[in-house]
N, C-alpha and C. Protein backbone atom coordinates (compact mmCIF):
# COMPACT_ATOMS: atom_id res chain seq x y z
N MET A 1 7.13 8.62 -15.04
CA MET A 1 7.99 8.26 -13.92
C MET A 1 7.21 8.15 -12.61
N PHE A 2 6.14 8.96 -12.49
CA PHE A 2 5.33 8.91 -11.27
C PHE A 2 4.83 7.50 -11.01
N TRP A 3 4.33 6.84 -12.04
CA TRP A 3 3.72 5.52 -11.85
C TRP A 3 4.75 4.46 -11.51
N ILE A 4 5.99 4.64 -11.93
CA ILE A 4 7.05 3.72 -11.52
C ILE A 4 7.30 3.87 -10.02
N TYR A 5 7.42 5.12 -9.56
CA TYR A 5 7.58 5.36 -8.13
C TYR A 5 6.36 4.85 -7.35
N PHE A 6 5.18 5.05 -7.92
CA PHE A 6 3.95 4.59 -7.27
C PHE A 6 3.99 3.07 -7.07
N LEU A 7 4.33 2.33 -8.11
CA LEU A 7 4.38 0.86 -8.01
C LEU A 7 5.47 0.41 -7.05
N LEU A 8 6.62 1.06 -7.07
CA LEU A 8 7.68 0.72 -6.12
C LEU A 8 7.25 1.01 -4.69
N THR A 9 6.55 2.13 -4.50
CA THR A 9 6.05 2.47 -3.17
C THR A 9 5.05 1.43 -2.68
N MET A 10 4.14 1.03 -3.57
CA MET A 10 3.16 0.01 -3.20
C MET A 10 3.85 -1.30 -2.83
N PHE A 11 4.83 -1.68 -3.64
CA PHE A 11 5.56 -2.92 -3.37
C PHE A 11 6.26 -2.86 -2.01
N MET A 12 6.97 -1.75 -1.74
CA MET A 12 7.68 -1.65 -0.47
C MET A 12 6.73 -1.60 0.72
N ASP A 13 5.62 -0.92 0.57
CA ASP A 13 4.66 -0.84 1.66
C ASP A 13 4.05 -2.22 1.93
N LEU A 14 3.65 -2.91 0.88
CA LEU A 14 3.07 -4.24 1.05
C LEU A 14 4.11 -5.22 1.60
N ALA A 15 5.34 -5.13 1.10
CA ALA A 15 6.39 -6.00 1.62
C ALA A 15 6.62 -5.73 3.11
N SER A 16 6.61 -4.46 3.48
CA SER A 16 6.82 -4.10 4.89
C SER A 16 5.68 -4.60 5.77
N MET A 17 4.45 -4.52 5.26
CA MET A 17 3.32 -5.06 6.04
C MET A 17 3.44 -6.58 6.16
N PHE A 18 3.87 -7.23 5.09
CA PHE A 18 4.10 -8.67 5.13
C PHE A 18 5.15 -9.00 6.20
N PHE A 19 6.27 -8.25 6.19
CA PHE A 19 7.31 -8.46 7.19
C PHE A 19 6.78 -8.26 8.60
N ALA A 20 5.95 -7.22 8.78
CA ALA A 20 5.38 -6.94 10.11
C ALA A 20 4.48 -8.08 10.58
N LYS A 21 3.65 -8.59 9.68
CA LYS A 21 2.76 -9.70 10.04
C LYS A 21 3.59 -10.94 10.39
N LYS A 22 4.67 -11.18 9.63
CA LYS A 22 5.54 -12.32 9.93
C LYS A 22 6.20 -12.14 11.30
N TYR A 23 6.58 -10.91 11.63
CA TYR A 23 7.15 -10.66 12.95
C TYR A 23 6.14 -10.96 14.05
N VAL A 24 4.90 -10.50 13.85
CA VAL A 24 3.86 -10.74 14.86
C VAL A 24 3.63 -12.24 15.05
N LEU A 25 3.69 -12.99 13.96
CA LEU A 25 3.43 -14.44 14.04
C LEU A 25 4.61 -15.22 14.60
N THR A 26 5.85 -14.78 14.33
CA THR A 26 7.03 -15.57 14.70
C THR A 26 7.88 -14.96 15.81
N HIS A 27 7.74 -13.67 16.06
CA HIS A 27 8.57 -12.93 17.03
C HIS A 27 10.05 -12.99 16.68
N ASN A 28 10.34 -13.18 15.40
CA ASN A 28 11.72 -13.18 14.91
C ASN A 28 12.11 -11.74 14.60
N TYR A 29 13.14 -11.24 15.28
CA TYR A 29 13.51 -9.83 15.14
C TYR A 29 14.03 -9.47 13.76
N LEU A 30 14.44 -10.44 12.95
CA LEU A 30 14.84 -10.14 11.58
C LEU A 30 13.67 -9.60 10.77
N TRP A 31 12.46 -10.12 11.06
CA TRP A 31 11.27 -9.59 10.38
C TRP A 31 11.00 -8.16 10.83
N LEU A 32 11.24 -7.87 12.09
CA LEU A 32 11.05 -6.51 12.60
C LEU A 32 12.03 -5.53 11.94
N ILE A 33 13.28 -5.93 11.81
CA ILE A 33 14.28 -5.09 11.16
C ILE A 33 13.91 -4.87 9.69
N ALA A 34 13.46 -5.94 9.02
CA ALA A 34 13.04 -5.81 7.62
C ALA A 34 11.86 -4.86 7.51
N THR A 35 10.95 -4.90 8.47
CA THR A 35 9.80 -4.01 8.48
C THR A 35 10.24 -2.55 8.56
N ILE A 36 11.13 -2.26 9.47
CA ILE A 36 11.60 -0.88 9.66
C ILE A 36 12.32 -0.37 8.42
N ILE A 37 13.22 -1.17 7.87
CA ILE A 37 13.96 -0.77 6.66
C ILE A 37 13.00 -0.57 5.49
N GLY A 38 12.05 -1.49 5.34
CA GLY A 38 11.09 -1.38 4.24
C GLY A 38 10.26 -0.12 4.31
N PHE A 39 9.79 0.22 5.51
CA PHE A 39 9.00 1.45 5.65
C PHE A 39 9.85 2.70 5.43
N MET A 40 11.13 2.65 5.78
CA MET A 40 12.01 3.79 5.51
C MET A 40 12.17 3.99 4.01
N ILE A 41 12.41 2.92 3.28
CA ILE A 41 12.54 3.01 1.82
C ILE A 41 11.24 3.52 1.22
N MET A 42 10.13 3.02 1.71
CA MET A 42 8.82 3.45 1.21
C MET A 42 8.63 4.95 1.41
N GLY A 43 9.09 5.49 2.53
CA GLY A 43 8.99 6.92 2.79
C GLY A 43 9.77 7.74 1.78
N PHE A 44 10.97 7.31 1.45
CA PHE A 44 11.76 8.01 0.44
C PHE A 44 11.09 7.95 -0.93
N LEU A 45 10.48 6.82 -1.25
CA LEU A 45 9.78 6.71 -2.53
C LEU A 45 8.56 7.63 -2.58
N MET A 46 7.87 7.79 -1.45
CA MET A 46 6.74 8.72 -1.42
C MET A 46 7.20 10.15 -1.66
N ILE A 47 8.33 10.50 -1.10
CA ILE A 47 8.88 11.84 -1.33
C ILE A 47 9.19 12.02 -2.81
N ALA A 48 9.73 11.00 -3.45
CA ALA A 48 10.04 11.07 -4.88
C ALA A 48 8.76 11.26 -5.70
N MET A 49 7.66 10.63 -5.28
CA MET A 49 6.39 10.79 -6.00
C MET A 49 5.90 12.24 -5.94
N MET A 50 6.21 12.94 -4.86
CA MET A 50 5.73 14.30 -4.70
C MET A 50 6.43 15.28 -5.63
N LYS A 51 7.45 14.83 -6.33
CA LYS A 51 8.08 15.68 -7.35
C LYS A 51 7.18 15.80 -8.57
N PHE A 52 6.24 14.88 -8.72
CA PHE A 52 5.39 14.82 -9.90
C PHE A 52 3.95 15.26 -9.65
N LYS A 53 3.46 15.07 -8.43
CA LYS A 53 2.07 15.43 -8.09
C LYS A 53 2.07 16.07 -6.71
N GLY A 54 0.99 16.77 -6.40
CA GLY A 54 0.85 17.39 -5.09
C GLY A 54 0.76 16.35 -3.98
N ALA A 55 1.10 16.79 -2.78
CA ALA A 55 1.11 15.88 -1.62
C ALA A 55 -0.26 15.27 -1.36
N ALA A 56 -1.32 16.05 -1.52
CA ALA A 56 -2.67 15.52 -1.26
C ALA A 56 -3.02 14.40 -2.24
N ILE A 57 -2.74 14.60 -3.53
CA ILE A 57 -3.07 13.59 -4.53
C ILE A 57 -2.21 12.35 -4.33
N VAL A 58 -0.91 12.55 -4.05
CA VAL A 58 -0.02 11.41 -3.78
C VAL A 58 -0.56 10.61 -2.61
N ASN A 59 -0.95 11.29 -1.55
CA ASN A 59 -1.43 10.58 -0.36
C ASN A 59 -2.73 9.84 -0.63
N ILE A 60 -3.63 10.46 -1.37
CA ILE A 60 -4.91 9.80 -1.68
C ILE A 60 -4.68 8.56 -2.54
N LEU A 61 -3.87 8.70 -3.60
CA LEU A 61 -3.60 7.55 -4.47
C LEU A 61 -2.87 6.45 -3.72
N TRP A 62 -1.89 6.83 -2.90
CA TRP A 62 -1.15 5.84 -2.11
C TRP A 62 -2.08 5.13 -1.12
N SER A 63 -2.91 5.90 -0.43
CA SER A 63 -3.82 5.30 0.55
C SER A 63 -4.77 4.31 -0.10
N GLY A 64 -5.34 4.71 -1.24
CA GLY A 64 -6.23 3.79 -1.95
C GLY A 64 -5.51 2.57 -2.45
N GLY A 65 -4.35 2.77 -3.05
CA GLY A 65 -3.58 1.65 -3.57
C GLY A 65 -3.15 0.68 -2.49
N ILE A 66 -2.71 1.21 -1.37
CA ILE A 66 -2.25 0.33 -0.29
C ILE A 66 -3.42 -0.36 0.39
N ALA A 67 -4.58 0.29 0.44
CA ALA A 67 -5.76 -0.37 1.01
C ALA A 67 -6.14 -1.58 0.17
N ILE A 68 -6.15 -1.39 -1.14
CA ILE A 68 -6.49 -2.50 -2.04
C ILE A 68 -5.42 -3.59 -1.95
N GLY A 69 -4.16 -3.19 -2.01
CA GLY A 69 -3.07 -4.17 -1.96
C GLY A 69 -3.02 -4.94 -0.65
N SER A 70 -3.25 -4.27 0.47
CA SER A 70 -3.20 -4.96 1.75
C SER A 70 -4.37 -5.93 1.92
N VAL A 71 -5.52 -5.57 1.38
CA VAL A 71 -6.66 -6.50 1.42
C VAL A 71 -6.34 -7.75 0.61
N LEU A 72 -5.77 -7.55 -0.57
CA LEU A 72 -5.40 -8.70 -1.41
C LEU A 72 -4.33 -9.56 -0.76
N LEU A 73 -3.33 -8.92 -0.14
CA LEU A 73 -2.29 -9.67 0.57
C LEU A 73 -2.89 -10.47 1.71
N GLY A 74 -3.73 -9.83 2.50
CA GLY A 74 -4.36 -10.52 3.63
C GLY A 74 -5.24 -11.68 3.17
N TYR A 75 -5.96 -11.45 2.09
CA TYR A 75 -6.89 -12.48 1.59
C TYR A 75 -6.13 -13.68 1.01
N TYR A 76 -5.19 -13.41 0.12
CA TYR A 76 -4.53 -14.50 -0.59
C TYR A 76 -3.40 -15.17 0.19
N TYR A 77 -2.64 -14.40 0.99
CA TYR A 77 -1.52 -15.01 1.68
C TYR A 77 -1.87 -15.43 3.10
N PHE A 78 -2.56 -14.57 3.84
CA PHE A 78 -2.87 -14.87 5.24
C PHE A 78 -4.27 -15.44 5.42
N HIS A 79 -5.00 -15.65 4.32
CA HIS A 79 -6.33 -16.27 4.32
C HIS A 79 -7.33 -15.55 5.21
N GLU A 80 -7.25 -14.23 5.21
CA GLU A 80 -8.22 -13.42 5.95
C GLU A 80 -9.50 -13.32 5.12
N LYS A 81 -10.62 -13.29 5.77
CA LYS A 81 -11.93 -13.28 5.09
C LYS A 81 -12.39 -11.86 4.78
N LEU A 82 -13.14 -11.72 3.68
CA LEU A 82 -13.73 -10.44 3.29
C LEU A 82 -15.25 -10.57 3.26
N THR A 83 -15.93 -9.55 3.75
CA THR A 83 -17.38 -9.54 3.68
C THR A 83 -17.82 -8.85 2.39
N PHE A 84 -19.07 -8.98 2.07
CA PHE A 84 -19.61 -8.33 0.87
C PHE A 84 -19.43 -6.82 0.95
N LEU A 85 -19.73 -6.23 2.12
CA LEU A 85 -19.60 -4.78 2.27
C LEU A 85 -18.15 -4.33 2.13
N GLN A 86 -17.21 -5.13 2.58
CA GLN A 86 -15.80 -4.79 2.39
C GLN A 86 -15.44 -4.80 0.91
N LEU A 87 -15.96 -5.76 0.17
CA LEU A 87 -15.72 -5.79 -1.28
C LEU A 87 -16.33 -4.58 -1.97
N VAL A 88 -17.52 -4.16 -1.53
CA VAL A 88 -18.14 -2.96 -2.08
C VAL A 88 -17.26 -1.74 -1.78
N GLY A 89 -16.73 -1.66 -0.58
CA GLY A 89 -15.84 -0.56 -0.21
C GLY A 89 -14.59 -0.52 -1.07
N ILE A 90 -14.01 -1.67 -1.35
CA ILE A 90 -12.83 -1.74 -2.21
C ILE A 90 -13.17 -1.23 -3.60
N PHE A 91 -14.32 -1.62 -4.11
CA PHE A 91 -14.77 -1.16 -5.42
C PHE A 91 -14.91 0.36 -5.44
N ILE A 92 -15.47 0.93 -4.38
CA ILE A 92 -15.64 2.38 -4.29
C ILE A 92 -14.27 3.08 -4.28
N VAL A 93 -13.31 2.50 -3.57
CA VAL A 93 -11.96 3.08 -3.55
C VAL A 93 -11.35 3.08 -4.95
N ILE A 94 -11.50 1.97 -5.67
CA ILE A 94 -10.97 1.88 -7.03
C ILE A 94 -11.61 2.94 -7.93
N VAL A 95 -12.92 3.07 -7.85
CA VAL A 95 -13.63 4.07 -8.65
C VAL A 95 -13.13 5.47 -8.29
N GLY A 96 -12.94 5.74 -7.02
CA GLY A 96 -12.44 7.04 -6.59
C GLY A 96 -11.05 7.34 -7.14
N MET A 97 -10.18 6.35 -7.14
CA MET A 97 -8.83 6.54 -7.69
C MET A 97 -8.89 6.83 -9.18
N ILE A 98 -9.78 6.16 -9.89
CA ILE A 98 -9.95 6.41 -11.32
C ILE A 98 -10.43 7.84 -11.55
N PHE A 99 -11.40 8.30 -10.75
CA PHE A 99 -11.92 9.66 -10.89
C PHE A 99 -10.82 10.69 -10.64
N ILE A 100 -9.97 10.45 -9.65
CA ILE A 100 -8.90 11.39 -9.34
C ILE A 100 -7.95 11.54 -10.53
N GLU A 101 -7.66 10.46 -11.21
CA GLU A 101 -6.73 10.52 -12.34
C GLU A 101 -7.41 10.96 -13.63
N LEU A 102 -8.67 10.65 -13.82
CA LEU A 102 -9.35 11.03 -15.06
C LEU A 102 -9.71 12.51 -15.11
N PHE A 103 -10.10 13.06 -13.98
CA PHE A 103 -10.58 14.44 -13.94
C PHE A 103 -9.58 15.35 -13.25
N LYS A 104 -8.41 15.47 -13.84
CA LYS A 104 -7.34 16.30 -13.26
C LYS A 104 -7.63 17.76 -13.45
């Protein structure tokens, strides 16, 4: 069940960042309202994840997952550029998340 909450949290966080970027680009307040609601839902989902794992592990996994997801969103949807060192950093984050789950 943890991983279902994790994926829902990632989706809501990425959707909320997407809404925020759209608000910045368009100044349409509907995007701002969607951003606020999305982040509120994401907060409740993070609390649900803490029923299964400690707060520190939840935060580390969420931070790594959202870092990877936001880079992918920025790259593919908003056409933001990535440097080689940024790609290396993303790889290190992925390896770190794997270590956290493998060596419990």
